[in-house]
Amino acid sequence: MLVIEKLYRSQDSITSTKKFNQTYGDKTGKMGERTLSLNDFYRALRKTDFLRLECKRVIKEITGHKIELY
């Protein structure tokens, strides 16, 4: 939820997650309702309109882990 909050440049992760689910829930599945591995989460984000590099940067900032998928 924190990654989604940062992608929306928001201060509220719950509202950001609701907005994300309304916009992309059909493509990615509902976020915030289940646990995903970091790679699966990134794969779901790739189905959205967010830039891949921005997603990678925010994930690294929040988790400290670098995503390496090709």
PDB file of N, CA and C in Angstrom:
ATOM      1  N   MET A   1       0.821  -1.189   0.000  1.00  0.00           N
ATOM      2  CA  MET A   1       0.000   0.000   0.000  1.00  0.00           C
ATOM      3  C   MET A   1       0.871   1.262   0.000  1.00  0.00           C
ATOM      4  N   LEU A   2       2.029   1.194   0.647  1.00  0.00           N
ATOM      5  CA  LEU A   2       2.911   2.354   0.656  1.00  0.00           C
ATOM      6  C   LEU A   2       3.476   2.653  -0.724  1.00  0.00           C
ATOM      7  N   VAL A   3       3.752   1.617  -1.501  1.00  0.00           N
ATOM      8  CA  VAL A   3       4.258   1.821  -2.860  1.00  0.00           C
ATOM      9  C   VAL A   3       3.198   2.521  -3.703  1.00  0.00           C
ATOM     10  N   ILE A   4       1.971   2.068  -3.600  1.00  0.00           N
ATOM     11  CA  ILE A   4       0.878   2.701  -4.357  1.00  0.00           C
ATOM     12  C   ILE A   4       0.700   4.152  -3.916  1.00  0.00           C
ATOM     13  N   GLU A   5       0.798   4.396  -2.617  1.00  0.00           N
ATOM     14  CA  GLU A   5       0.707   5.769  -2.103  1.00  0.00           C
ATOM     15  C   GLU A   5       1.783   6.656  -2.724  1.00  0.00           C
ATOM     16  N   LYS A   6       3.013   6.168  -2.796  1.00  0.00           N
ATOM     17  CA  LYS A   6       4.114   6.947  -3.377  1.00  0.00           C
ATOM     18  C   LYS A   6       3.913   7.160  -4.877  1.00  0.00           C
ATOM     19  N   LEU A   7       3.406   6.147  -5.575  1.00  0.00           N
ATOM     20  CA  LEU A   7       3.173   6.288  -7.017  1.00  0.00           C
ATOM     21  C   LEU A   7       2.137   7.363  -7.313  1.00  0.00           C
ATOM     22  N   TYR A   8       1.145   7.482  -6.437  1.00  0.00           N
ATOM     23  CA  TYR A   8       0.124   8.521  -6.607  1.00  0.00           C
ATOM     24  C   TYR A   8       0.545   9.855  -5.991  1.00  0.00           C
ATOM     25  N   ARG A   9       1.718   9.887  -5.361  1.00  0.00           N
ATOM     26  CA  ARG A   9       2.220  11.090  -4.680  1.00  0.00           C
ATOM     27  C   ARG A   9       1.177  11.616  -3.700  1.00  0.00           C
ATOM     28  N   SER A  10       0.727  10.715  -2.858  1.00  0.00           N
ATOM     29  CA  SER A  10      -0.343  10.990  -1.920  1.00  0.00           C
ATOM     30  C   SER A  10       0.191  10.904  -0.490  1.00  0.00           C
ATOM     31  N   GLN A  11      -0.634  11.273   0.467  1.00  0.00           N
ATOM     32  CA  GLN A  11      -0.307  11.144   1.883  1.00  0.00           C
ATOM     33  C   GLN A  11      -1.197  10.111   2.570  1.00  0.00           C
ATOM     34  N   ASP A  12      -2.063   9.436   1.793  1.00  0.00           N
ATOM     35  CA  ASP A  12      -3.019   8.494   2.366  1.00  0.00           C
ATOM     36  C   ASP A  12      -2.997   7.201   1.559  1.00  0.00           C
ATOM     37  N   SER A  13      -2.463   6.142   2.155  1.00  0.00           N
ATOM     38  CA  SER A  13      -2.326   4.886   1.423  1.00  0.00           C
ATOM     39  C   SER A  13      -3.670   4.196   1.200  1.00  0.00           C
ATOM     40  N   ILE A  14      -4.617   4.361   2.087  1.00  0.00           N
ATOM     41  CA  ILE A  14      -5.920   3.702   1.938  1.00  0.00           C
ATOM     42  C   ILE A  14      -6.676   4.295   0.751  1.00  0.00           C
ATOM     43  N   THR A  15      -6.728   5.616   0.663  1.00  0.00           N
ATOM     44  CA  THR A  15      -7.402   6.274  -0.451  1.00  0.00           C
ATOM     45  C   THR A  15      -6.701   5.969  -1.770  1.00  0.00           C
ATOM     46  N   SER A  16      -5.372   5.967  -1.747  1.00  0.00           N
ATOM     47  CA  SER A  16      -4.603   5.662  -2.960  1.00  0.00           C
ATOM     48  C   SER A  16      -4.864   4.245  -3.426  1.00  0.00           C
ATOM     49  N   THR A  17      -4.925   3.309  -2.494  1.00  0.00           N
ATOM     50  CA  THR A  17      -5.184   1.908  -2.846  1.00  0.00           C
ATOM     51  C   THR A  17      -6.589   1.742  -3.411  1.00  0.00           C
ATOM     52  N   LYS A  18      -7.558   2.431  -2.841  1.00  0.00           N
ATOM     53  CA  LYS A  18      -8.931   2.375  -3.375  1.00  0.00           C
ATOM     54  C   LYS A  18      -8.971   2.921  -4.803  1.00  0.00           C
ATOM     55  N   LYS A  19      -8.292   4.052  -5.029  1.00  0.00           N
ATOM     56  CA  LYS A  19      -8.238   4.642  -6.364  1.00  0.00           C
ATOM     57  C   LYS A  19      -7.562   3.689  -7.340  1.00  0.00           C
ATOM     58  N   PHE A  20      -6.449   3.066  -6.918  1.00  0.00           N
ATOM     59  CA  PHE A  20      -5.743   2.100  -7.743  1.00  0.00           C
ATOM     60  C   PHE A  20      -6.660   0.936  -8.109  1.00  0.00           C
ATOM     61  N   ASN A  21      -7.378   0.388  -7.130  1.00  0.00           N
ATOM     62  CA  ASN A  21      -8.263  -0.751  -7.374  1.00  0.00           C
ATOM     63  C   ASN A  21      -9.422  -0.389  -8.296  1.00  0.00           C
ATOM     64  N   GLN A  22      -9.942   0.822  -8.189  1.00  0.00           N
ATOM     65  CA  GLN A  22     -11.011   1.252  -9.090  1.00  0.00           C
ATOM     66  C   GLN A  22     -10.509   1.386 -10.514  1.00  0.00           C
ATOM     67  N   THR A  23      -9.279   1.864 -10.660  1.00  0.00           N
ATOM     68  CA  THR A  23      -8.717   2.102 -11.986  1.00  0.00           C
ATOM     69  C   THR A  23      -8.168   0.837 -12.620  1.00  0.00           C
ATOM     70  N   TYR A  24      -7.398   0.058 -11.864  1.00  0.00           N
ATOM     71  CA  TYR A  24      -6.657  -1.077 -12.428  1.00  0.00           C
ATOM     72  C   TYR A  24      -7.055  -2.429 -11.849  1.00  0.00           C
ATOM     73  N   GLY A  25      -8.036  -2.472 -10.978  1.00  0.00           N
ATOM     74  CA  GLY A  25      -8.403  -3.715 -10.300  1.00  0.00           C
ATOM     75  C   GLY A  25      -8.751  -4.856 -11.240  1.00  0.00           C
ATOM     76  N   ASP A  26      -9.360  -4.540 -12.377  1.00  0.00           N
ATOM     77  CA  ASP A  26      -9.720  -5.590 -13.333  1.00  0.00           C
ATOM     78  C   ASP A  26      -8.485  -6.201 -13.990  1.00  0.00           C
ATOM     79  N   LYS A  27      -7.439  -5.399 -14.204  1.00  0.00           N
ATOM     80  CA  LYS A  27      -6.211  -5.887 -14.841  1.00  0.00           C
ATOM     81  C   LYS A  27      -5.290  -6.606 -13.862  1.00  0.00           C
ATOM     82  N   THR A  28      -5.174  -6.078 -12.646  1.00  0.00           N
ATOM     83  CA  THR A  28      -4.165  -6.558 -11.707  1.00  0.00           C
ATOM     84  C   THR A  28      -4.723  -7.395 -10.570  1.00  0.00           C
ATOM     85  N   GLY A  29      -6.008  -7.346 -10.365  1.00  0.00           N
ATOM     86  CA  GLY A  29      -6.579  -7.928  -9.155  1.00  0.00           C
ATOM     87  C   GLY A  29      -6.558  -6.863  -8.064  1.00  0.00           C
ATOM     88  N   LYS A  30      -7.343  -7.056  -7.040  1.00  0.00           N
ATOM     89  CA  LYS A  30      -7.441  -6.067  -5.972  1.00  0.00           C
ATOM     90  C   LYS A  30      -6.168  -6.066  -5.135  1.00  0.00           C
ATOM     91  N   MET A  31      -5.563  -4.908  -4.988  1.00  0.00           N
ATOM     92  CA  MET A  31      -4.365  -4.751  -4.165  1.00  0.00           C
ATOM     93  C   MET A  31      -4.778  -4.408  -2.739  1.00  0.00           C
ATOM     94  N   GLY A  32      -3.954  -4.798  -1.799  1.00  0.00           N
ATOM     95  CA  GLY A  32      -4.222  -4.516  -0.399  1.00  0.00           C
ATOM     96  C   GLY A  32      -5.088  -5.565   0.269  1.00  0.00           C
ATOM     97  N   GLU A  33      -5.558  -6.556  -0.486  1.00  0.00           N
ATOM     98  CA  GLU A  33      -6.428  -7.586   0.069  1.00  0.00           C
ATOM     99  C   GLU A  33      -5.731  -8.935   0.208  1.00  0.00           C
ATOM    100  N   ARG A  34      -4.533  -9.061  -0.384  1.00  0.00           N
ATOM    101  CA  ARG A  34      -3.814 -10.318  -0.313  1.00  0.00           C
ATOM    102  C   ARG A  34      -2.314 -10.041  -0.298  1.00  0.00           C
ATOM    103  N   THR A  35      -1.560 -11.036   0.080  1.00  0.00           N
ATOM    104  CA  THR A  35      -0.109 -10.901   0.125  1.00  0.00           C
ATOM    105  C   THR A  35       0.486 -11.395  -1.182  1.00  0.00           C
ATOM    106  N   LEU A  36       1.390 -10.603  -1.741  1.00  0.00           N
ATOM    107  CA  LEU A  36       2.071 -10.949  -2.985  1.00  0.00           C
ATOM    108  C   LEU A  36       3.573 -10.924  -2.747  1.00  0.00           C
ATOM    109  N   SER A  37       4.298 -11.728  -3.513  1.00  0.00           N
ATOM    110  CA  SER A  37       5.748 -11.584  -3.486  1.00  0.00           C
ATOM    111  C   SER A  37       6.080 -10.271  -4.180  1.00  0.00           C
ATOM    112  N   LEU A  38       7.263  -9.768  -3.923  1.00  0.00           N
ATOM    113  CA  LEU A  38       7.661  -8.490  -4.508  1.00  0.00           C
ATOM    114  C   LEU A  38       7.686  -8.556  -6.028  1.00  0.00           C
ATOM    115  N   ASN A  39       8.158  -9.662  -6.580  1.00  0.00           N
ATOM    116  CA  ASN A  39       8.191  -9.809  -8.040  1.00  0.00           C
ATOM    117  C   ASN A  39       6.787  -9.861  -8.630  1.00  0.00           C
ATOM    118  N   ASP A  40       5.864 -10.575  -7.967  1.00  0.00           N
ATOM    119  CA  ASP A  40       4.487 -10.632  -8.449  1.00  0.00           C
ATOM    120  C   ASP A  40       3.825  -9.259  -8.380  1.00  0.00           C
ATOM    121  N   PHE A  41       4.134  -8.512  -7.331  1.00  0.00           N
ATOM    122  CA  PHE A  41       3.600  -7.158  -7.204  1.00  0.00           C
ATOM    123  C   PHE A  41       4.102  -6.278  -8.344  1.00  0.00           C
ATOM    124  N   TYR A  42       5.388  -6.358  -8.643  1.00  0.00           N
ATOM    125  CA  TYR A  42       5.947  -5.572  -9.740  1.00  0.00           C
ATOM    126  C   TYR A  42       5.326  -5.984 -11.077  1.00  0.00           C
ATOM    127  N   ARG A  43       5.128  -7.273 -11.278  1.00  0.00           N
ATOM    128  CA  ARG A  43       4.487  -7.731 -12.525  1.00  0.00           C
ATOM    129  C   ARG A  43       3.079  -7.151 -12.653  1.00  0.00           C
ATOM    130  N   ALA A  44       2.362  -7.070 -11.544  1.00  0.00           N
ATOM    131  CA  ALA A  44       1.023  -6.473 -11.569  1.00  0.00           C
ATOM    132  C   ALA A  44       1.116  -4.983 -11.910  1.00  0.00           C
ATOM    133  N   LEU A  45       2.109  -4.287 -11.360  1.00  0.00           N
ATOM    134  CA  LEU A  45       2.272  -2.863 -11.656  1.00  0.00           C
ATOM    135  C   LEU A  45       2.620  -2.620 -13.116  1.00  0.00           C
ATOM    136  N   ARG A  46       3.281  -3.571 -13.748  1.00  0.00           N
ATOM    137  CA  ARG A  46       3.632  -3.420 -15.168  1.00  0.00           C
ATOM    138  C   ARG A  46       2.396  -3.396 -16.055  1.00  0.00           C
ATOM    139  N   LYS A  47       1.266  -3.869 -15.568  1.00  0.00           N
ATOM    140  CA  LYS A  47       0.020  -3.862 -16.333  1.00  0.00           C
ATOM    141  C   LYS A  47      -0.702  -2.518 -16.242  1.00  0.00           C
ATOM    142  N   THR A  48      -0.139  -1.584 -15.488  1.00  0.00           N
ATOM    143  CA  THR A  48      -0.770  -0.280 -15.288  1.00  0.00           C
ATOM    144  C   THR A  48      -0.104   0.774 -16.172  1.00  0.00           C
ATOM    145  N   ASP A  49      -0.542   2.012 -16.027  1.00  0.00           N
ATOM    146  CA  ASP A  49       0.018   3.120 -16.800  1.00  0.00           C
ATOM    147  C   ASP A  49       1.211   3.776 -16.116  1.00  0.00           C
ATOM    148  N   PHE A  50       1.606   3.283 -14.931  1.00  0.00           N
ATOM    149  CA  PHE A  50       2.769   3.852 -14.254  1.00  0.00           C
ATOM    150  C   PHE A  50       4.035   3.445 -15.002  1.00  0.00           C
ATOM    151  N   LEU A  51       5.008   4.339 -15.037  1.00  0.00           N
ATOM    152  CA  LEU A  51       6.272   4.058 -15.695  1.00  0.00           C
ATOM    153  C   LEU A  51       7.036   2.974 -14.941  1.00  0.00           C
ATOM    154  N   ARG A  52       7.639   2.055 -15.688  1.00  0.00           N
ATOM    155  CA  ARG A  52       8.365   0.944 -15.068  1.00  0.00           C
ATOM    156  C   ARG A  52       9.495   1.425 -14.177  1.00  0.00           C
ATOM    157  N   LEU A  53      10.253   2.407 -14.652  1.00  0.00           N
ATOM    158  CA  LEU A  53      11.375   2.917 -13.857  1.00  0.00           C
ATOM    159  C   LEU A  53      10.898   3.569 -12.569  1.00  0.00           C
ATOM    160  N   GLU A  54       9.772   4.259 -12.627  1.00  0.00           N
ATOM    161  CA  GLU A  54       9.200   4.872 -11.430  1.00  0.00           C
ATOM    162  C   GLU A  54       8.768   3.790 -10.437  1.00  0.00           C
ATOM    163  N   CYS A  55       8.158   2.722 -10.927  1.00  0.00           N
ATOM    164  CA  CYS A  55       7.743   1.615 -10.057  1.00  0.00           C
ATOM    165  C   CYS A  55       8.953   0.987  -9.384  1.00  0.00           C
ATOM    166  N   LYS A  56      10.002   0.740 -10.164  1.00  0.00           N
ATOM    167  CA  LYS A  56      11.224   0.154  -9.604  1.00  0.00           C
ATOM    168  C   LYS A  56      11.840   1.068  -8.552  1.00  0.00           C
ATOM    169  N   ARG A  57      11.877   2.372  -8.843  1.00  0.00           N
ATOM    170  CA  ARG A  57      12.476   3.326  -7.912  1.00  0.00           C
ATOM    171  C   ARG A  57      11.719   3.362  -6.585  1.00  0.00           C
ATOM    172  N   VAL A  58      10.394   3.397  -6.665  1.00  0.00           N
ATOM    173  CA  VAL A  58       9.575   3.469  -5.449  1.00  0.00           C
ATOM    174  C   VAL A  58       9.686   2.162  -4.657  1.00  0.00           C
ATOM    175  N   ILE A  59       9.672   1.028  -5.333  1.00  0.00           N
ATOM    176  CA  ILE A  59       9.807  -0.256  -4.632  1.00  0.00           C
ATOM    177  C   ILE A  59      11.153  -0.308  -3.912  1.00  0.00           C
ATOM    178  N   LYS A  60      12.213   0.125  -4.567  1.00  0.00           N
ATOM    179  CA  LYS A  60      13.548   0.131  -3.938  1.00  0.00           C
ATOM    180  C   LYS A  60      13.560   1.072  -2.742  1.00  0.00           C
ATOM    181  N   GLU A  61      12.929   2.233  -2.883  1.00  0.00           N
ATOM    182  CA  GLU A  61      12.883   3.215  -1.798  1.00  0.00           C
ATOM    183  C   GLU A  61      12.143   2.666  -0.579  1.00  0.00           C
ATOM    184  N   ILE A  62      11.018   1.985  -0.794  1.00  0.00           N
ATOM    185  CA  ILE A  62      10.191   1.493   0.306  1.00  0.00           C
ATOM    186  C   ILE A  62      10.779   0.226   0.924  1.00  0.00           C
ATOM    187  N   THR A  63      11.178  -0.733   0.089  1.00  0.00           N
ATOM    188  CA  THR A  63      11.590  -2.047   0.594  1.00  0.00           C
ATOM    189  C   THR A  63      13.093  -2.212   0.731  1.00  0.00           C
ATOM    190  N   GLY A  64      13.849  -1.459  -0.039  1.00  0.00           N
ATOM    191  CA  GLY A  64      15.291  -1.630  -0.034  1.00  0.00           C
ATOM    192  C   GLY A  64      15.770  -2.718  -0.961  1.00  0.00           C
ATOM    193  N   HIS A  65      14.851  -3.351  -1.703  1.00  0.00           N
ATOM    194  CA  HIS A  65      15.191  -4.433  -2.632  1.00  0.00           C
ATOM    195  C   HIS A  65      15.097  -3.941  -4.059  1.00  0.00           C
ATOM    196  N   LYS A  66      16.053  -4.353  -4.880  1.00  0.00           N
ATOM    197  CA  LYS A  66      16.066  -3.977  -6.282  1.00  0.00           C
ATOM    198  C   LYS A  66      15.352  -5.049  -7.098  1.00  0.00           C
ATOM    199  N   ILE A  67      14.488  -4.638  -7.993  1.00  0.00           N
ATOM    200  CA  ILE A  67      13.749  -5.548  -8.867  1.00  0.00           C
ATOM    201  C   ILE A  67      14.566  -5.785 -10.124  1.00  0.00           C
ATOM    202  N   GLU A  68      14.792  -7.036 -10.463  1.00  0.00           N
ATOM    203  CA  GLU A  68      15.542  -7.399 -11.670  1.00  0.00           C
ATOM    204  C   GLU A  68      14.722  -8.408 -12.474  1.00  0.00           C
ATOM    205  N   LEU A  69      13.789  -7.933 -13.251  1.00  0.00           N
ATOM    206  CA  LEU A  69      12.988  -8.787 -14.135  1.00  0.00           C
ATOM    207  C   LEU A  69      13.222  -8.347 -15.557  1.00  0.00           C
ATOM    208  N   TYR A  70      13.274  -9.301 -16.456  1.00  0.00           N
ATOM    209  CA  TYR A  70      13.514  -8.991 -17.869  1.00  0.00           C
ATOM    210  C   TYR A  70      12.375  -9.424 -18.722  1.00  0.00           C
TER     211      TYR A  70
END
